[in-house]
Amino acid sequence: MKNKFKLKKGDEVIVLAGKDKGKTGKIIKMLPDKMKAIVSEINKVKKNTKPDNNQPGGIIDKEMPLHISNIAYYDPVLKKGVKIAYKINKDKKIRINKNSGKEI
């Protein structure tokens, strides 16, 4: 069974736990089978790469996946992480902010 999440690619999120706690970024890629997400400029590590036909070798910065439980949707008005709920509106399912009730 495929896992389903209320967060989507392109959402602005805040990190709740780990070395980058409190930082915000956009979701680049969702990994539903591992229950993880890759967030831009968050959880960066240095990786040594060998030279290849397409690219030179060296040390590169790479974003590593974060577990879904450690990130939350970021509300720029409240400046904190909020929960997301679904609301059915005229045969259309929309995401809403649980604190304010506004559409996302």
Protein backbone atom coordinates (compact mmCIF):
# COMPACT_ATOMS: atom_id res chain seq x y z
CA MET A 1 0.00 0.00 0.00
CA LYS A 2 1.28 3.44 -0.93
CA ASN A 3 1.61 5.97 1.89
CA LYS A 4 -0.34 9.21 1.50
CA PHE A 5 0.74 12.53 2.98
CA LYS A 6 -0.84 15.94 3.36
CA LEU A 7 2.44 17.59 2.36
CA LYS A 8 3.24 17.87 -1.34
CA LYS A 9 6.17 18.73 -3.57
CA GLY A 10 6.70 22.51 -3.61
CA ASP A 11 5.24 23.15 -0.12
CA GLU A 12 7.11 25.46 2.25
CA VAL A 13 7.98 23.46 5.39
CA ILE A 14 9.73 24.02 8.73
CA VAL A 15 12.03 21.46 10.37
CA LEU A 16 10.80 20.32 13.81
CA ALA A 17 13.75 18.16 14.91
CA GLY A 18 17.39 17.51 14.08
CA LYS A 19 20.47 19.61 13.36
CA ASP A 20 18.50 22.06 11.17
CA LYS A 21 15.63 22.60 13.64
CA GLY A 22 13.75 25.85 12.94
CA LYS A 23 14.97 26.26 9.34
CA THR A 24 12.53 26.50 6.44
CA GLY A 25 12.68 25.29 2.84
CA LYS A 26 10.65 23.92 -0.05
CA ILE A 27 10.06 20.23 -0.65
CA ILE A 28 12.03 19.12 -3.71
CA LYS A 29 11.04 15.46 -3.75
CA MET A 30 8.73 13.14 -1.79
CA LEU A 31 9.76 9.53 -1.07
CA PRO A 32 6.47 7.89 0.01
CA ASP A 33 7.83 4.33 0.19
CA LYS A 34 10.46 5.42 2.76
CA MET A 35 8.18 8.03 4.45
CA LYS A 36 10.78 10.74 3.76
CA ALA A 37 11.09 14.04 1.91
CA ILE A 38 14.03 15.99 0.49
CA VAL A 39 13.93 19.69 1.41
CA SER A 40 16.02 22.35 -0.36
CA GLU A 41 19.02 23.69 1.59
CA ILE A 42 18.18 21.46 4.60
CA ASN A 43 20.09 18.43 5.98
CA LYS A 44 23.09 18.99 3.70
CA VAL A 45 26.07 16.64 3.83
CA LYS A 46 29.42 16.58 2.06
CA LYS A 47 29.88 13.71 -0.39
CA ASN A 48 33.12 12.66 -2.09
CA THR A 49 32.59 11.74 -5.75
CA LYS A 50 34.92 10.05 -8.22
CA PRO A 51 35.46 11.62 -11.64
CA ASP A 52 33.02 10.37 -14.25
CA ASN A 53 32.57 10.85 -17.99
CA ASN A 54 29.96 13.56 -17.36
CA GLN A 55 31.31 15.34 -14.26
CA PRO A 56 34.60 15.96 -12.46
CA GLY A 57 35.33 14.42 -9.07
CA GLY A 58 35.49 16.31 -5.80
CA ILE A 59 33.49 17.17 -2.73
CA ILE A 60 29.86 18.15 -3.33
CA ASP A 61 27.07 19.28 -0.99
CA LYS A 62 24.02 17.04 -1.16
CA GLU A 63 20.60 17.25 0.50
CA MET A 64 19.62 14.09 2.35
CA PRO A 65 16.04 12.95 3.08
CA LEU A 66 14.22 13.91 6.29
CA HIS A 67 11.51 11.80 7.90
CA ILE A 68 7.99 13.16 7.40
CA SER A 69 7.42 13.35 11.18
CA ASN A 70 10.25 15.89 11.50
CA ILE A 71 8.74 18.50 9.15
CA ALA A 72 5.53 20.55 9.22
CA TYR A 73 3.78 22.92 6.80
CA TYR A 74 5.07 26.49 7.37
CA ASP A 75 2.57 29.34 7.68
CA PRO A 76 4.32 32.65 6.80
CA VAL A 77 1.64 34.72 8.60
CA LEU A 78 1.99 32.89 11.93
CA LYS A 79 5.70 32.18 11.32
CA LYS A 80 5.42 28.61 12.64
CA GLY A 81 4.50 25.09 11.61
CA VAL A 82 0.79 24.22 11.34
CA LYS A 83 -1.30 21.12 10.79
CA ILE A 84 -3.20 20.54 7.55
CA ALA A 85 -6.75 19.24 7.20
CA TYR A 86 -8.93 18.36 4.21
CA LYS A 87 -12.29 19.93 3.41
CA ILE A 88 -14.68 18.86 0.65
CA ASN A 89 -15.99 21.92 -1.17
CA LYS A 90 -18.48 21.36 -4.05
CA ASP A 91 -17.09 17.97 -5.13
CA LYS A 92 -13.53 19.24 -4.71
CA LYS A 93 -11.10 18.20 -1.96
CA ILE A 94 -9.00 21.14 -0.73
CA ARG A 95 -6.30 21.48 1.91
CA ILE A 96 -6.88 23.98 4.72
CA ASN A 97 -4.82 25.37 7.58
CA LYS A 98 -6.23 23.93 10.84
CA ASN A 99 -5.37 27.06 12.88
CA SER A 100 -6.85 29.74 10.65
CA GLY A 101 -9.15 27.70 8.38
CA LYS A 102 -7.68 29.34 5.26
CA GLU A 103 -7.19 27.42 2.02
CA ILE A 104 -3.67 26.33 1.15
